Amino acid sequence: MDVSLVPAFDAMGSQMSQTSTGQLGAGVQPKPQVYSSLIRSSSRGGEHAACFTELRRNFVNSRPAKLKNLILLVKHWYRHVVAQNKEEEPAGASLPPAYALELLTIFAWEQGCGKDRFNMAQGLRTVLGLVQKHQQLCVYWTVNYGIEDHDMKTHLLGQLRKPRPLVLDPADPTWNVGQGSWELLAQEAAALESQACLMNADGTPVQPWDVMPALLHQTPAGDLDKFIAELLQPNRQFLAQVNKAVNTICSFLRENCFRGSPIKVLKVVKGGSLAKGTALRGCSDADIVVFLSCFSHFSDQGSRRAEIISEIRAQLEACQQEQQFEVKFELSKWENPRVLHFSLTSQTMLGQSVDFDVLPAYDALGQLVPGSRPNPQVYADLIHSYSNTGEFSTCFTELQRDFIATRPTKLKSLIRLVKHWHRQCNKVPKGRGPLPPQHGLELLTVYAWEQGSRDSQFSMATGFRTVLELVTQYRQLCVYWTVNYSTEDETVRDFLKLQLQKPRPIILDPADPTGNLGHNARWDLLAKEAVACMAALCCTGRDGAPIPPWPVKAAV
């Protein structure tokens, strides 16, 4: 073991715990003046890092024993890489310090797991994945320094504008420990992923935790477009492969289902985020709706469902055997008599997949003419038939898809950002009851843009800030559209009046007036997360002032 003896200024001396033996107690945060003085005194990053040794020690010492074991494993791998490549290392291309990997391991655990007990292989694979994404790495903590102090906030924003990778020392904000050449580490990380230590017993790769190389709330407002483009938009090659596979599957179902039977497949429609153009990188969702001639009314859809699902499953299994796909096509082993699931997963990109629901439905709309409204009788029949909110929304998949798919590209990017935020909120431990559905947030985002901007080019931070503001005003929310159903028909008009008299929040599905996406959800918990996000860097201007939202009312 190498030991260095370093003389240092006691910057933290006045904050020593009274009960300690001259050492800084755990949980003690330095006074802002300490960091203000540091920022003014430093000419190069990490110049005075030795002064904050105790904070650095406490940051790691407080972690669970198993996380420390994961750190040891990562450092062992790092040493092996250094030893193996000592002779081949190009002149002037020094690796980042082992401490950077130590911090990256803590970040991976905090964001992906946070539990004392976890799968060691999963943890290691997650760290290796982050190493390979070093060009997007933006990792820092505010346990010792925060953005409340003006000098500290200005310095931190300056650091965040620098090229990636950025891994700030949690004890010394002037020290970016991520500096160095990561390419060799990334190559070795990719090579290790194919080894037995990161494979399951059945030969499949161990799945990493869901951790991104940068966090939304730590991203400066001016960088949100870049955040979306680099981290949220799906890989184009994977999207092309999935769309090609889905087209093949839809054609196969259309041509082969119920062959020789009186039942006919009228049409097969793609829905969900994949069809709308708002899919997120990683795991996304989609629907394939099979409209059948055996259903002549909304209420018919409950009959013969098990038989129909069984036939569709048989055809999907045949499609799986007969067709060649560039993606892995996997049917769910769990047989549900009401719905069918399958997934399409990338063969080459870890963690890239789309989960599909295949749903039989009544063809209430017939052949839709683009730009025209459905026959009012469709909605009159729906209103007389439904018992539960959104019960027959599957029948209106085309309208739901087109309502979003026709929007400007940048608005779809904002929808992606809001969906990502919603997904992160779902990871936070919460009380009983679900958060509002993602589709409700999607519609709220469209409403915010329609009422506040309507420009195809707008400030992403302003749009995001507006949606968060509306979430906090959930008790007043009343949002609906009449693009597909209108008040001209008496049945629809009377029904709409009743819907709009119900307790807020109200977000009516523009395709299905029986579907209230604001109903029966924990908006209070989501509002709490929105308040926290509005105070973060992603909603803060360069001058440190909050980004103002668009002037949008909570009710139409």
Protein backbone atom coordinates (compact mmCIF):
# COMPACT_ATOMS: atom_id res chain seq x y z
CA MET A 1 0.00 0.00 0.00
CA ASP A 2 1.37 3.41 -1.02
CA VAL A 3 0.91 6.23 1.51
CA SER A 4 1.37 9.92 0.67
CA LEU A 5 2.04 12.50 3.37
CA VAL A 6 0.61 15.83 2.19
CA PRO A 7 0.68 19.13 4.13
CA ALA A 8 -2.60 21.06 3.73
CA PHE A 9 -4.52 24.12 4.88
CA ASP A 10 -7.26 23.26 7.42
CA ALA A 11 -10.12 24.86 5.47
CA MET A 12 -12.71 23.01 7.56
CA GLY A 13 -11.14 23.63 10.98
CA SER A 14 -13.84 25.94 12.34
CA GLN A 15 -16.50 23.30 11.63
CA MET A 16 -15.00 20.42 13.60
CA SER A 17 -17.52 18.38 15.54
CA GLN A 18 -17.29 19.28 19.23
CA THR A 19 -17.38 15.62 20.23
CA SER A 20 -14.68 14.48 17.82
CA THR A 21 -10.99 14.10 18.40
CA GLY A 22 -10.09 16.85 15.98
CA GLN A 23 -11.81 15.23 13.00
CA LEU A 24 -14.76 16.39 10.93
CA GLY A 25 -17.95 14.60 11.91
CA ALA A 26 -20.05 12.77 9.31
CA GLY A 27 -22.95 14.78 7.90
CA VAL A 28 -21.33 18.17 8.52
CA GLN A 29 -21.68 20.46 5.49
CA PRO A 30 -19.05 23.18 4.95
CA LYS A 31 -20.06 26.82 5.14
CA PRO A 32 -20.57 28.44 1.71
CA GLN A 33 -17.68 30.84 2.45
CA VAL A 34 -15.26 27.88 2.37
CA TYR A 35 -16.12 27.19 -1.26
CA SER A 36 -16.31 30.88 -2.20
CA SER A 37 -12.72 31.24 -0.97
CA LEU A 38 -11.71 28.05 -2.79
CA ILE A 39 -13.16 29.26 -6.11
CA ARG A 40 -11.38 32.61 -5.83
CA SER A 41 -8.08 30.93 -4.86
CA SER A 42 -7.90 28.12 -7.42
CA SER A 43 -6.05 28.61 -10.68
CA ARG A 44 -6.41 24.97 -11.75
CA GLY A 45 -8.95 22.28 -10.89
CA GLY A 46 -8.30 20.20 -7.79
CA GLU A 47 -5.32 22.34 -6.79
CA HIS A 48 -6.46 22.35 -3.15
CA ALA A 49 -8.18 18.93 -3.11
CA ALA A 50 -6.11 17.79 -0.12
CA CYS A 51 -7.91 20.35 2.09
CA PHE A 52 -11.15 18.36 1.68
CA THR A 53 -9.81 14.87 2.38
CA GLU A 54 -12.20 14.31 5.31
CA LEU A 55 -15.27 15.11 3.21
CA ARG A 56 -14.02 12.76 0.50
CA ARG A 57 -13.46 10.01 3.07
CA ASN A 58 -16.89 10.47 4.68
CA PHE A 59 -18.61 10.41 1.26
CA VAL A 60 -17.42 6.83 0.70
CA ASN A 61 -17.27 5.55 4.29
CA SER A 62 -21.00 6.04 4.82
CA ARG A 63 -21.86 3.60 2.00
CA PRO A 64 -23.13 0.00 2.48
CA ALA A 65 -20.54 -2.79 2.70
CA LYS A 66 -21.66 -4.42 -0.55
CA LEU A 67 -21.31 -1.16 -2.48
CA LYS A 68 -17.75 -0.89 -1.17
CA ASN A 69 -17.18 -4.43 -2.47
CA LEU A 70 -18.45 -3.34 -5.88
CA ILE A 71 -16.03 -0.40 -5.75
CA LEU A 72 -13.20 -2.86 -4.98
CA LEU A 73 -14.25 -5.00 -7.96
CA VAL A 74 -14.30 -2.00 -10.32
CA LYS A 75 -10.91 -0.80 -9.05
CA HIS A 76 -9.50 -4.32 -9.52
CA TRP A 77 -10.69 -4.26 -13.15
CA TYR A 78 -9.19 -0.77 -13.58
CA ARG A 79 -5.80 -1.94 -12.27
CA HIS A 80 -5.92 -4.93 -14.62
CA VAL A 81 -6.56 -2.61 -17.59
CA VAL A 82 -3.69 -0.35 -16.54
CA ALA A 83 -1.29 -3.30 -16.12
CA GLN A 84 -2.31 -4.96 -19.41
CA ASN A 85 -1.90 -1.81 -21.47
CA LYS A 86 1.06 -0.12 -19.81
CA GLU A 87 3.30 -0.58 -22.84
CA GLU A 88 0.63 0.36 -25.42
CA GLU A 89 -0.61 3.60 -23.81
CA PRO A 90 -0.06 6.51 -26.26
CA ALA A 91 2.17 9.36 -25.12
CA GLY A 92 0.22 12.03 -23.24
CA ALA A 93 -2.96 9.92 -23.09
CA SER A 94 -3.24 9.22 -19.37
CA LEU A 95 -6.28 7.35 -18.07
CA PRO A 96 -8.71 9.04 -15.69
CA PRO A 97 -7.83 8.36 -12.04
CA ALA A 98 -9.22 5.31 -10.22
CA TYR A 99 -11.14 7.77 -8.04
CA ALA A 100 -13.29 8.68 -11.08
CA LEU A 101 -14.35 5.02 -11.36
CA GLU A 102 -15.05 4.96 -7.62
CA LEU A 103 -17.42 7.93 -7.93
CA LEU A 104 -19.00 6.47 -11.07
CA THR A 105 -19.75 3.27 -9.15
CA ILE A 106 -21.46 5.21 -6.35
CA PHE A 107 -23.47 7.16 -8.95
CA ALA A 108 -24.55 3.92 -10.70
CA TRP A 109 -25.70 2.39 -7.40
CA GLU A 110 -27.54 5.53 -6.23
CA GLN A 111 -29.45 5.96 -9.49
CA GLY A 112 -30.03 2.32 -10.36
CA CYS A 113 -30.47 0.46 -7.08
CA GLY A 114 -29.90 2.23 -3.77
CA LYS A 115 -30.30 -1.00 -1.78
CA ASP A 116 -27.85 -2.59 0.66
CA ARG A 117 -28.22 -5.94 -1.08
CA PHE A 118 -28.01 -6.20 -4.86
CA ASN A 119 -26.76 -8.34 -7.74
CA MET A 120 -23.01 -7.70 -8.04
CA ALA A 121 -22.94 -8.60 -11.75
CA GLN A 122 -25.72 -6.10 -12.46
CA GLY A 123 -23.81 -3.40 -10.64
CA LEU A 124 -20.58 -4.13 -12.52
CA ARG A 125 -22.35 -4.20 -15.90
CA THR A 126 -23.97 -0.85 -15.14
CA VAL A 127 -20.62 0.78 -14.35
CA LEU A 128 -19.08 -0.69 -17.52
CA GLY A 129 -22.01 0.64 -19.54
CA LEU A 130 -21.46 4.13 -18.14
CA VAL A 131 -17.75 3.93 -18.96
CA GLN A 132 -18.73 3.27 -22.59
CA LYS A 133 -20.96 6.37 -22.51
CA HIS A 134 -18.14 8.58 -21.23
CA GLN A 135 -18.83 11.22 -23.88
CA GLN A 136 -22.16 12.00 -22.18
CA LEU A 137 -21.06 11.64 -18.54
CA CYS A 138 -22.18 14.47 -16.27
CA VAL A 139 -21.93 13.35 -12.65
CA TYR A 140 -21.88 15.51 -9.55
CA TRP A 141 -23.37 15.78 -6.07
CA THR A 142 -24.53 18.72 -3.96
CA VAL A 143 -24.15 17.07 -0.55
CA ASN A 144 -21.33 19.44 0.41
CA TYR A 145 -21.86 22.38 -1.94
CA GLY A 146 -25.17 23.53 -3.42
CA ILE A 147 -26.64 26.05 -5.84
CA GLU A 148 -28.12 28.24 -3.09
CA ASP A 149 -24.90 30.29 -2.85
CA HIS A 150 -24.48 32.68 -5.82
CA ASP A 151 -20.71 32.16 -6.23
CA MET A 152 -21.10 28.41 -6.05
CA LYS A 153 -23.99 28.40 -8.52
CA THR A 154 -22.06 30.51 -11.03
CA HIS A 155 -19.03 28.23 -10.73
CA LEU A 156 -21.11 25.07 -11.06
CA LEU A 157 -22.89 26.36 -14.18
CA GLY A 158 -19.47 27.15 -15.63
CA GLN A 159 -18.29 23.60 -14.93
CA LEU A 160 -21.41 22.13 -16.54
CA ARG A 161 -20.76 24.01 -19.78
CA LYS A 162 -17.38 22.32 -20.18
CA PRO A 163 -16.85 19.31 -22.50
CA ARG A 164 -17.81 15.85 -21.26
CA PRO A 165 -16.95 13.67 -19.44
CA LEU A 166 -17.60 15.61 -16.26
CA VAL A 167 -17.24 13.82 -12.91
CA LEU A 168 -16.96 16.44 -10.16
CA ASP A 169 -15.40 15.57 -6.84
CA PRO A 170 -18.24 15.77 -4.25
CA ALA A 171 -15.81 17.46 -1.85
CA ASP A 172 -14.08 19.89 -4.23
CA PRO A 173 -16.17 21.45 -7.05
CA THR A 174 -13.06 22.74 -8.85
CA TRP A 175 -11.81 19.20 -9.52
CA ASN A 176 -13.18 17.33 -12.52
CA VAL A 177 -11.82 13.85 -11.85
CA GLY A 178 -13.26 12.69 -15.18
CA GLN A 179 -10.42 14.27 -17.12
CA GLY A 180 -8.25 11.83 -19.01
CA SER A 181 -8.45 9.40 -21.92
CA TRP A 182 -11.49 7.10 -21.53
CA GLU A 183 -11.25 5.36 -24.93
CA LEU A 184 -9.10 2.47 -23.69
CA LEU A 185 -11.34 1.93 -20.65
CA ALA A 186 -14.41 1.94 -22.93
CA GLN A 187 -12.86 -0.69 -25.23
CA GLU A 188 -11.95 -2.93 -22.29
CA ALA A 189 -15.41 -2.44 -20.75
CA ALA A 190 -17.07 -3.60 -23.99
CA ALA A 191 -14.76 -6.64 -24.12
CA LEU A 192 -15.54 -7.65 -20.52
CA GLU A 193 -19.31 -7.55 -21.13
CA SER A 194 -19.08 -10.71 -23.25
CA GLN A 195 -17.25 -12.69 -20.55
CA ALA A 196 -18.80 -15.35 -18.31
CA CYS A 197 -18.77 -13.08 -15.23
CA LEU A 198 -21.49 -10.95 -16.85
CA MET A 199 -23.61 -13.76 -18.31
CA ASN A 200 -26.61 -15.51 -16.77
CA ALA A 201 -26.72 -19.29 -16.39
CA ASP A 202 -28.79 -19.55 -19.61
CA GLY A 203 -26.16 -17.65 -21.61
CA THR A 204 -28.05 -14.36 -21.83
CA PRO A 205 -26.32 -11.10 -20.80
CA VAL A 206 -26.93 -9.80 -17.27
CA GLN A 207 -29.16 -6.74 -17.58
CA PRO A 208 -27.74 -3.49 -16.14
CA TRP A 209 -29.64 -1.12 -13.89
CA ASP A 210 -31.55 1.64 -15.64
CA VAL A 211 -29.03 4.47 -15.22
CA MET A 212 -28.38 7.38 -17.58
CA PRO A 213 -24.98 9.08 -17.85
CA ALA A 214 -26.52 12.44 -16.90
CA LEU A 215 -29.50 13.47 -14.76
CA LEU A 216 -32.30 15.76 -15.89
CA HIS A 217 -32.42 17.91 -12.76
CA GLN A 218 -28.65 18.47 -12.98
CA THR A 219 -28.78 19.56 -16.63
CA PRO A 220 -28.63 23.33 -17.34
CA ALA A 221 -31.78 24.71 -19.00
CA GLY A 222 -29.88 25.64 -22.17
CA ASP A 223 -28.71 22.04 -22.64
CA LEU A 224 -32.13 20.34 -22.61
CA ASP A 225 -32.31 19.97 -26.41
CA LYS A 226 -28.91 18.26 -26.34
CA PHE A 227 -30.03 16.09 -23.38
CA ILE A 228 -33.04 14.89 -25.38
CA ALA A 229 -31.08 14.29 -28.60
CA GLU A 230 -28.23 12.38 -26.94
CA LEU A 231 -30.02 10.49 -24.18
CA LEU A 232 -33.77 10.22 -24.84
CA GLN A 233 -34.28 9.79 -28.58
CA PRO A 234 -34.19 6.13 -29.65
CA ASN A 235 -31.37 4.85 -31.82
CA ARG A 236 -32.39 5.38 -35.48
CA GLN A 237 -31.05 2.04 -36.65
CA PHE A 238 -32.99 0.21 -33.94
CA LEU A 239 -36.18 2.17 -34.75
CA ALA A 240 -35.86 1.25 -38.43
CA GLN A 241 -35.38 -2.42 -37.53
CA VAL A 242 -38.41 -2.37 -35.20
CA ASN A 243 -40.67 -0.62 -37.72
CA LYS A 244 -39.67 -3.11 -40.40
CA ALA A 245 -40.44 -6.01 -38.05
CA VAL A 246 -43.79 -4.50 -37.00
CA ASN A 247 -44.84 -4.02 -40.63
CA THR A 248 -44.01 -7.68 -41.30
CA ILE A 249 -45.98 -8.82 -38.23
CA CYS A 250 -49.00 -6.65 -39.09
CA SER A 251 -49.07 -7.95 -42.68
CA PHE A 252 -48.75 -11.54 -41.46
CA LEU A 253 -51.67 -11.11 -39.04
CA ARG A 254 -53.80 -9.42 -41.71
CA GLU A 255 -53.23 -12.21 -44.22
CA ASN A 256 -53.21 -15.29 -41.98
CA CYS A 257 -55.50 -14.76 -38.97
CA PHE A 258 -58.81 -16.65 -39.14
CA ARG A 259 -58.07 -18.02 -42.61
CA GLY A 260 -60.98 -20.25 -43.66
CA SER A 261 -63.18 -18.73 -40.94
CA PRO A 262 -66.18 -16.36 -41.24
CA ILE A 263 -64.19 -13.92 -39.08
CA LYS A 264 -62.26 -11.38 -41.14
CA VAL A 265 -59.42 -9.07 -40.16
CA LEU A 266 -60.68 -5.63 -41.22
CA LYS A 267 -57.46 -3.75 -40.45
CA VAL A 268 -54.39 -3.88 -38.23
CA VAL A 269 -53.36 -0.56 -36.62
CA LYS A 270 -50.15 0.47 -34.83
CA GLY A 271 -50.51 2.63 -31.72
CA GLY A 272 -48.61 3.72 -28.62
CA SER A 273 -45.47 5.82 -28.39
CA LEU A 274 -43.75 4.04 -31.29
CA ALA A 275 -46.52 5.02 -33.71
CA LYS A 276 -46.85 8.54 -32.28
CA GLY A 277 -43.15 9.29 -32.65
CA THR A 278 -42.58 9.83 -28.92
CA ALA A 279 -40.78 6.60 -27.97
CA LEU A 280 -37.99 6.86 -25.40
CA ARG A 281 -34.56 5.27 -25.70
CA GLY A 282 -34.29 2.02 -23.80
CA CYS A 283 -37.56 0.22 -23.16
CA SER A 284 -40.62 1.71 -24.84
CA ASP A 285 -44.20 0.62 -25.48
CA ALA A 286 -46.52 0.11 -28.43
CA ASP A 287 -49.86 -1.42 -29.36
CA ILE A 288 -51.00 -3.49 -32.30
CA VAL A 289 -54.79 -3.41 -32.57
CA VAL A 290 -56.50 -6.06 -34.70
CA PHE A 291 -59.98 -4.94 -35.80
CA LEU A 292 -62.26 -7.92 -36.46
CA SER A 293 -65.55 -8.43 -38.31
CA CYS A 294 -67.00 -10.61 -35.51
CA PHE A 295 -67.48 -7.50 -33.36
CA SER A 296 -70.45 -5.41 -34.48
CA HIS A 297 -70.78 -3.28 -31.34
CA PHE A 298 -68.65 -2.01 -28.45
CA SER A 299 -70.20 -4.50 -26.05
CA ASP A 300 -69.33 -7.48 -28.29
CA GLN A 301 -65.64 -7.26 -27.47
CA GLY A 302 -65.95 -9.29 -24.28
CA SER A 303 -67.30 -12.34 -26.11
CA ARG A 304 -65.05 -14.99 -27.70
CA ARG A 305 -62.01 -13.03 -26.52
CA ALA A 306 -60.06 -16.05 -25.27
CA GLU A 307 -60.64 -17.87 -28.58
CA ILE A 308 -59.54 -14.82 -30.59
CA ILE A 309 -56.41 -14.24 -28.49
CA SER A 310 -55.52 -17.92 -28.89
CA GLU A 311 -55.76 -17.64 -32.70
CA ILE A 312 -53.66 -14.45 -32.81
CA ARG A 313 -51.05 -16.10 -30.58
CA ALA A 314 -50.87 -19.12 -32.88
CA GLN A 315 -50.30 -16.84 -35.88
CA LEU A 316 -47.63 -14.83 -34.05
CA GLU A 317 -45.82 -18.09 -33.22
CA ALA A 318 -46.01 -19.06 -36.90
CA CYS A 319 -44.72 -15.63 -37.91
CA GLN A 320 -41.87 -16.04 -35.44
CA GLN A 321 -40.87 -19.33 -37.12
CA GLU A 322 -41.39 -18.37 -40.77
CA GLN A 323 -40.07 -14.80 -40.96
CA GLN A 324 -36.55 -13.45 -40.56
CA PHE A 325 -36.10 -10.47 -38.22
CA GLU A 326 -33.16 -8.18 -37.50
CA VAL A 327 -34.40 -7.92 -33.90
CA LYS A 328 -35.14 -10.60 -31.32
CA PHE A 329 -38.88 -11.41 -31.43
CA GLU A 330 -40.05 -12.90 -28.11
CA LEU A 331 -43.62 -13.82 -27.17
CA SER A 332 -44.65 -13.58 -23.52
CA LYS A 333 -44.81 -17.00 -21.86
CA TRP A 334 -47.61 -15.84 -19.60
CA GLU A 335 -50.91 -16.54 -21.34
CA ASN A 336 -53.54 -13.88 -20.66
CA PRO A 337 -57.00 -14.55 -22.17
CA ARG A 338 -57.61 -10.79 -22.60
CA VAL A 339 -54.37 -9.46 -24.07
CA LEU A 340 -51.23 -10.73 -25.78
CA HIS A 341 -47.70 -9.45 -25.16
CA PHE A 342 -44.50 -9.70 -27.16
CA SER A 343 -41.23 -7.79 -27.30
CA LEU A 344 -38.74 -6.79 -29.97
CA THR A 345 -35.18 -6.44 -28.65
CA SER A 346 -32.00 -5.27 -30.35
CA GLN A 347 -29.50 -8.03 -31.12
CA THR A 348 -26.55 -5.62 -30.87
CA MET A 349 -27.55 -2.75 -28.54
CA LEU A 350 -28.01 -3.69 -24.89
CA GLY A 351 -31.15 -2.36 -23.23
CA GLN A 352 -32.95 -1.36 -26.46
CA SER A 353 -36.41 -2.94 -26.69
CA VAL A 354 -40.08 -2.26 -27.40
CA ASP A 355 -42.87 -4.06 -25.53
CA PHE A 356 -46.08 -4.64 -27.50
CA ASP A 357 -49.67 -5.35 -26.52
CA VAL A 358 -51.77 -7.05 -29.22
CA LEU A 359 -55.44 -6.21 -28.75
CA PRO A 360 -58.55 -7.35 -30.67
CA ALA A 361 -61.14 -4.58 -31.12
CA TYR A 362 -64.43 -3.49 -32.67
CA ASP A 363 -63.99 -1.32 -35.78
CA ALA A 364 -66.12 1.60 -34.61
CA LEU A 365 -64.51 4.15 -36.93
CA GLY A 366 -64.41 2.20 -40.20
CA GLN A 367 -62.18 3.69 -42.89
CA LEU A 368 -61.09 7.07 -41.55
CA VAL A 369 -60.78 9.99 -43.95
CA PRO A 370 -57.80 12.15 -42.87
CA GLY A 371 -58.91 15.48 -41.42
CA SER A 372 -62.57 14.48 -40.99
CA ARG A 373 -64.49 13.77 -37.78
CA PRO A 374 -66.03 10.41 -36.99
CA ASN A 375 -69.78 10.07 -37.40
CA PRO A 376 -71.42 11.53 -34.22
CA GLN A 377 -73.41 8.29 -33.92
CA VAL A 378 -70.13 6.51 -33.06
CA TYR A 379 -69.80 8.58 -29.90
CA ALA A 380 -73.51 8.34 -29.09
CA ASP A 381 -73.20 4.53 -29.19
CA LEU A 382 -70.03 4.70 -27.08
CA ILE A 383 -71.72 6.82 -24.41
CA HIS A 384 -74.66 4.41 -24.19
CA SER A 385 -72.36 1.36 -24.03
CA TYR A 386 -69.56 2.20 -21.60
CA SER A 387 -69.48 1.43 -17.87
CA ASN A 388 -65.91 2.42 -16.93
CA THR A 389 -63.77 5.37 -17.97
CA GLY A 390 -61.90 4.70 -21.22
CA GLU A 391 -63.27 1.15 -21.34
CA PHE A 392 -63.31 1.07 -25.15
CA SER A 393 -60.42 3.43 -25.88
CA THR A 394 -58.68 0.75 -27.97
CA CYS A 395 -61.32 1.29 -30.66
CA PHE A 396 -60.02 4.84 -31.09
CA THR A 397 -56.31 4.01 -31.40
CA GLU A 398 -56.00 5.69 -34.82
CA LEU A 399 -57.37 8.99 -33.50
CA GLN A 400 -55.14 8.85 -30.42
CA ARG A 401 -52.11 8.19 -32.61
CA ASP A 402 -52.88 10.91 -35.16
CA PHE A 403 -53.54 13.52 -32.46
CA ILE A 404 -49.85 13.31 -31.45
CA ALA A 405 -48.16 12.05 -34.64
CA THR A 406 -49.09 15.18 -36.62
CA ARG A 407 -47.43 17.56 -34.12
CA PRO A 408 -44.13 19.41 -34.73
CA THR A 409 -40.94 17.47 -34.08
CA LYS A 410 -39.84 19.75 -31.25
CA LEU A 411 -43.16 19.29 -29.43
CA LYS A 412 -42.63 15.52 -29.62
CA SER A 413 -39.18 16.11 -28.11
CA LEU A 414 -40.81 18.02 -25.24
CA ILE A 415 -43.24 15.11 -24.79
CA ARG A 416 -40.23 12.77 -24.56
CA LEU A 417 -38.68 15.00 -21.90
CA VAL A 418 -41.90 15.06 -19.85
CA LYS A 419 -42.29 11.29 -20.18
CA HIS A 420 -38.70 10.79 -19.04
CA TRP A 421 -39.35 13.02 -16.01
CA HIS A 422 -42.53 11.04 -15.26
CA ARG A 423 -40.56 7.79 -15.50
CA GLN A 424 -37.98 9.12 -13.02
CA CYS A 425 -40.77 10.19 -10.64
CA ASN A 426 -42.09 6.63 -10.71
CA LYS A 427 -38.75 5.45 -9.30
CA VAL A 428 -39.13 7.65 -6.22
CA PRO A 429 -40.62 5.82 -3.19
CA LYS A 430 -44.16 7.07 -2.75
CA GLY A 431 -47.39 6.50 -0.88
CA ARG A 432 -50.28 4.30 -1.91
CA GLY A 433 -51.89 4.80 -5.29
CA PRO A 434 -50.48 5.27 -8.81
CA LEU A 435 -49.13 8.48 -10.29
CA PRO A 436 -51.15 10.02 -13.16
CA PRO A 437 -50.78 8.00 -16.39
CA GLN A 438 -48.12 8.92 -18.92
CA HIS A 439 -50.75 9.56 -21.61
CA GLY A 440 -52.30 12.23 -19.37
CA LEU A 441 -48.94 14.04 -19.13
CA GLU A 442 -48.56 13.70 -22.90
CA LEU A 443 -51.90 15.47 -23.44
CA LEU A 444 -51.06 18.12 -20.84
CA THR A 445 -47.86 18.86 -22.78
CA VAL A 446 -49.80 19.33 -26.03
CA TYR A 447 -52.24 21.62 -24.20
CA ALA A 448 -49.39 23.71 -22.71
CA TRP A 449 -47.85 24.18 -26.17
CA GLU A 450 -51.16 24.97 -27.88
CA GLN A 451 -52.13 27.57 -25.29
CA GLY A 452 -48.66 29.02 -24.70
CA SER A 453 -46.71 28.90 -27.94
CA ARG A 454 -47.88 27.05 -31.09
CA ASP A 455 -44.44 27.82 -32.53
CA SER A 456 -42.56 24.88 -34.06
CA GLN A 457 -39.36 26.35 -32.56
CA PHE A 458 -39.56 27.26 -28.88
CA SER A 459 -37.47 27.23 -25.71
CA MET A 460 -37.44 23.65 -24.42
CA ALA A 461 -36.87 24.85 -20.85
CA THR A 462 -39.87 27.21 -21.06
CA GLY A 463 -42.11 24.44 -22.39
CA PHE A 464 -40.97 22.00 -19.72
CA ARG A 465 -41.35 24.61 -16.98
CA THR A 466 -44.92 25.29 -18.18
CA VAL A 467 -45.91 21.61 -17.97
CA LEU A 468 -44.47 21.37 -14.45
CA GLU A 469 -46.37 24.50 -13.46
CA LEU A 470 -49.63 22.98 -14.73
CA VAL A 471 -48.95 19.79 -12.76
CA THR A 472 -48.72 21.87 -9.57
CA GLN A 473 -52.11 23.41 -10.46
CA TYR A 474 -53.77 20.00 -10.76
CA ARG A 475 -56.71 21.01 -8.55
CA GLN A 476 -57.81 23.45 -11.27
CA LEU A 477 -56.98 21.37 -14.35
CA CYS A 478 -59.76 21.09 -16.93
CA VAL A 479 -58.39 20.18 -20.34
CA TYR A 480 -60.31 18.83 -23.33
CA TRP A 481 -60.53 19.08 -27.12
CA THR A 482 -63.42 18.88 -29.60
CA VAL A 483 -61.43 17.92 -32.70
CA ASN A 484 -63.10 14.50 -32.93
CA TYR A 485 -66.31 14.88 -30.93
CA SER A 486 -68.27 18.12 -30.74
CA THR A 487 -71.17 19.70 -28.89
CA GLU A 488 -73.30 19.76 -32.05
CA ASP A 489 -74.69 16.30 -31.27
CA GLU A 490 -77.13 16.43 -28.33
CA THR A 491 -76.01 13.14 -26.74
CA VAL A 492 -72.35 14.13 -26.87
CA ARG A 493 -73.13 17.67 -25.68
CA ASP A 494 -75.04 16.48 -22.62
CA PHE A 495 -72.37 13.91 -21.81
CA LEU A 496 -69.57 16.47 -22.09
CA LYS A 497 -71.41 18.78 -19.69
CA LEU A 498 -71.59 15.97 -17.14
CA GLN A 499 -67.91 15.11 -17.61
CA LEU A 500 -66.79 18.72 -17.14
CA GLN A 501 -68.80 19.05 -13.92
CA LYS A 502 -66.83 16.27 -12.25
CA PRO A 503 -64.08 17.01 -9.68
CA ARG A 504 -60.78 18.27 -11.06
CA PRO A 505 -58.30 17.37 -12.44
CA ILE A 506 -59.96 16.64 -15.78
CA ILE A 507 -57.95 15.70 -18.88
CA LEU A 508 -60.30 14.19 -21.45
CA ASP A 509 -58.92 11.91 -24.14
CA PRO A 510 -59.44 13.82 -27.44
CA ALA A 511 -60.33 10.52 -29.12
CA ASP A 512 -62.59 9.09 -26.39
CA PRO A 513 -64.72 11.45 -24.24
CA THR A 514 -65.31 8.70 -21.65
CA GLY A 515 -61.59 8.62 -20.86
CA ASN A 516 -60.55 11.07 -18.12
CA LEU A 517 -56.78 10.77 -17.75
CA GLY A 518 -56.79 13.00 -14.68
CA HIS A 519 -59.06 10.74 -12.64
CA ASN A 520 -58.13 8.62 -9.62
CA ALA A 521 -54.35 9.24 -9.40
CA ARG A 522 -51.84 10.71 -6.95
CA TRP A 523 -51.40 14.14 -8.53
CA ASP A 524 -50.29 15.46 -5.14
CA LEU A 525 -47.16 13.28 -5.26
CA LEU A 526 -46.39 14.29 -8.85
CA ALA A 527 -46.90 17.96 -7.94
CA LYS A 528 -44.36 17.61 -5.14
CA GLU A 529 -41.81 16.27 -7.64
CA ALA A 530 -42.68 19.10 -10.05
CA VAL A 531 -41.96 21.74 -7.39
CA ALA A 532 -38.55 20.18 -6.74
CA CYS A 533 -37.77 20.03 -10.46
CA MET A 534 -38.74 23.69 -11.01
CA ALA A 535 -36.07 24.68 -8.48
CA ALA A 536 -33.39 22.61 -10.23
CA LEU A 537 -30.85 23.68 -12.86
CA CYS A 538 -33.02 22.39 -15.72
CA CYS A 539 -35.49 25.19 -14.98
CA THR A 540 -32.95 27.88 -14.09
CA GLY A 541 -31.55 30.54 -16.45
CA ARG A 542 -27.89 31.48 -16.85
CA ASP A 543 -28.41 34.41 -14.49
CA GLY A 544 -29.65 32.04 -11.78
CA ALA A 545 -33.27 33.22 -12.07
CA PRO A 546 -36.13 30.71 -12.59
CA ILE A 547 -37.19 30.19 -16.22
CA PRO A 548 -40.64 31.84 -16.61
CA PRO A 549 -43.41 29.57 -17.99
CA TRP A 550 -45.76 30.41 -20.83
CA PRO A 551 -48.92 32.21 -19.62
CA VAL A 552 -51.23 29.18 -19.71
CA LYS A 553 -54.44 28.80 -17.69
CA ALA A 554 -55.13 25.52 -15.93
CA ALA A 555 -58.60 25.31 -17.47
CA VAL A 556 -59.77 25.75 -21.08
